[in-house]
Amino acid sequence: MTFPTRSGTQLRNAELAQIHIARAQLGLDEDTYRAVLWTVGRVKSAKDLDWTGRKQLLEHFKAKGWKPAPPKQAKTEKPMKPGQDALVKALWNELHKAGKVRDGSDAALGSWLKRNHWPERPEWLNYKQINQAIEGLKKWLER
């Protein structure tokens, strides 16, 4: 299993955000914060800290009582309900039978899905996308 890695810029931005959160939670005024930056990292601004300086500053804040919040869990998407992909295909076939679609093939359905900026196969759609596709096809069929 592979895990997504952060780029250097993303990591830097996340660490700078933690620094500013720690400053706020510790209630440091501007002068005190600038003094800590100079004492710990020999810089006047957190943006000038290198990787080591950011780590040292965060460790300093932890030693002063700051407790970083645990990382938020990524939102998990709801899985599509069983049979929803078959429903998309069935609605597409109904549109073909009604003469509203010239080509009733899976390839044509895939093209329609791609035009709507979704994956080209119904089984690859997430919960939100499959529901949008079903509702779109139903409305098309009603017209």
Protein backbone atom coordinates (compact mmCIF):
# COMPACT_ATOMS: atom_id res chain seq x y z
CA MET A 1 0.00 0.00 0.00
CA THR A 2 1.38 3.39 -0.93
CA PHE A 3 0.59 6.60 0.84
CA PRO A 4 0.43 10.01 -0.80
CA THR A 5 3.50 12.08 -0.11
CA ARG A 6 3.58 15.80 0.40
CA SER A 7 5.72 18.00 -1.76
CA GLY A 8 8.31 20.18 -0.06
CA THR A 9 6.10 23.24 -0.48
CA GLN A 10 3.07 21.49 1.00
CA LEU A 11 5.10 20.31 3.99
CA ARG A 12 6.55 23.78 4.52
CA ASN A 13 3.10 25.37 4.35
CA ALA A 14 1.69 22.81 6.79
CA GLU A 15 4.52 23.46 9.24
CA LEU A 16 4.10 27.24 8.95
CA ALA A 17 0.39 26.82 9.61
CA GLN A 18 1.22 24.77 12.73
CA ILE A 19 3.57 27.50 13.90
CA HIS A 20 0.87 30.14 13.58
CA ILE A 21 -1.70 27.90 15.27
CA ALA A 22 0.72 27.28 18.14
CA ARG A 23 1.41 31.00 18.46
CA ALA A 24 -2.32 31.73 18.71
CA GLN A 25 -3.01 28.88 21.15
CA LEU A 26 -0.12 29.92 23.38
CA GLY A 27 -1.41 33.51 23.30
CA LEU A 28 1.89 35.05 22.20
CA ASP A 29 1.75 38.74 21.39
CA GLU A 30 3.68 40.08 18.39
CA ASP A 31 6.78 41.17 20.31
CA THR A 32 7.05 37.92 22.25
CA TYR A 33 6.55 35.85 19.07
CA ARG A 34 9.27 37.81 17.22
CA ALA A 35 11.62 37.36 20.19
CA VAL A 36 11.01 33.59 20.17
CA LEU A 37 11.62 33.47 16.40
CA TRP A 38 14.93 35.25 16.86
CA THR A 39 15.99 33.19 19.88
CA VAL A 40 15.13 29.80 18.39
CA GLY A 41 15.76 30.29 14.69
CA ARG A 42 17.70 33.52 14.31
CA VAL A 43 15.06 34.86 11.89
CA LYS A 44 12.58 37.70 12.01
CA SER A 45 9.81 35.84 10.16
CA ALA A 46 8.69 32.21 10.23
CA LYS A 47 8.78 32.12 6.43
CA ASP A 48 12.57 32.47 6.63
CA LEU A 49 12.97 29.29 8.71
CA ASP A 50 14.46 26.25 7.04
CA TRP A 51 13.23 22.72 7.76
CA THR A 52 15.41 22.37 10.88
CA GLY A 53 14.38 25.79 12.18
CA ARG A 54 10.68 25.00 11.76
CA LYS A 55 11.13 21.70 13.63
CA GLN A 56 13.06 23.43 16.43
CA LEU A 57 10.41 26.14 16.77
CA LEU A 58 7.59 23.59 16.90
CA GLU A 59 9.51 21.60 19.54
CA HIS A 60 10.02 24.82 21.51
CA PHE A 61 6.27 25.51 21.40
CA LYS A 62 5.56 21.92 22.54
CA ALA A 63 7.95 22.42 25.46
CA LYS A 64 6.00 25.56 26.40
CA GLY A 65 2.76 23.57 26.57
CA TRP A 66 1.38 23.60 23.05
CA LYS A 67 -0.32 20.35 22.12
CA PRO A 68 -0.76 19.86 18.37
CA ALA A 69 -4.13 18.47 17.34
CA PRO A 70 -4.06 14.99 15.84
CA PRO A 71 -4.26 14.99 12.05
CA LYS A 72 -7.77 14.94 10.67
CA GLN A 73 -8.88 11.75 9.03
CA ALA A 74 -9.55 11.94 5.34
CA LYS A 75 -13.20 11.83 4.47
CA THR A 76 -14.19 8.51 3.10
CA GLU A 77 -16.62 8.55 0.26
CA LYS A 78 -19.80 6.59 0.48
CA PRO A 79 -19.68 3.56 -1.75
CA MET A 80 -22.16 3.36 -4.56
CA LYS A 81 -25.17 1.18 -3.82
CA PRO A 82 -25.17 -2.24 -5.47
CA GLY A 83 -26.83 -2.13 -8.87
CA GLN A 84 -26.51 1.62 -9.43
CA ASP A 85 -24.05 1.10 -12.27
CA ALA A 86 -26.53 -1.31 -13.88
CA LEU A 87 -29.26 1.31 -13.46
CA VAL A 88 -27.15 3.84 -15.39
CA LYS A 89 -26.73 1.33 -18.22
CA ALA A 90 -30.47 0.48 -18.16
CA LEU A 91 -31.43 4.17 -18.34
CA TRP A 92 -29.00 4.64 -21.24
CA ASN A 93 -30.63 1.70 -23.06
CA GLU A 94 -34.10 3.21 -22.41
CA LEU A 95 -32.91 6.46 -23.96
CA HIS A 96 -31.71 4.50 -26.99
CA LYS A 97 -35.02 2.64 -27.31
CA ALA A 98 -36.90 5.95 -27.03
CA GLY A 99 -34.80 7.35 -29.89
CA LYS A 100 -33.22 10.05 -27.74
CA VAL A 101 -29.75 8.51 -28.12
CA ARG A 102 -28.43 7.24 -31.46
CA ASP A 103 -25.92 4.81 -30.01
CA GLY A 104 -26.89 2.60 -27.09
CA SER A 105 -23.44 1.07 -26.67
CA ASP A 106 -21.30 1.16 -23.53
CA ALA A 107 -18.74 3.21 -25.48
CA ALA A 108 -21.36 5.89 -26.20
CA LEU A 109 -22.38 5.89 -22.53
CA GLY A 110 -18.70 6.29 -21.64
CA SER A 111 -18.45 9.27 -23.98
CA TRP A 112 -21.47 10.89 -22.33
CA LEU A 113 -19.96 10.31 -18.88
CA LYS A 114 -16.64 11.82 -19.99
CA ARG A 115 -18.40 14.88 -21.41
CA ASN A 116 -19.84 15.38 -17.93
CA HIS A 117 -16.31 15.19 -16.49
CA TRP A 118 -16.80 11.80 -14.84
CA PRO A 119 -14.93 8.53 -15.27
CA GLU A 120 -15.97 6.76 -18.47
CA ARG A 121 -17.34 3.62 -16.83
CA PRO A 122 -20.37 3.66 -14.48
CA GLU A 123 -18.69 1.28 -12.03
CA TRP A 124 -15.87 3.80 -11.55
CA LEU A 125 -18.19 6.60 -10.40
CA ASN A 126 -18.31 7.59 -6.76
CA TYR A 127 -21.52 7.98 -4.75
CA LYS A 128 -22.15 11.59 -5.73
CA GLN A 129 -21.31 11.11 -9.40
CA ILE A 130 -23.48 8.00 -9.85
CA ASN A 131 -26.47 9.76 -8.30
CA GLN A 132 -25.94 12.81 -10.53
CA ALA A 133 -25.68 10.55 -13.58
CA ILE A 134 -28.87 8.67 -12.67
CA GLU A 135 -30.82 11.88 -12.09
CA GLY A 136 -29.49 13.40 -15.32
CA LEU A 137 -30.50 10.35 -17.34
CA LYS A 138 -33.95 10.25 -15.73
CA LYS A 139 -34.57 13.92 -16.61
CA TRP A 140 -33.35 13.31 -20.15
CA LEU A 141 -35.74 10.39 -20.47
CA GLU A 142 -38.67 12.51 -19.23
CA ARG A 143 -38.07 15.22 -21.88
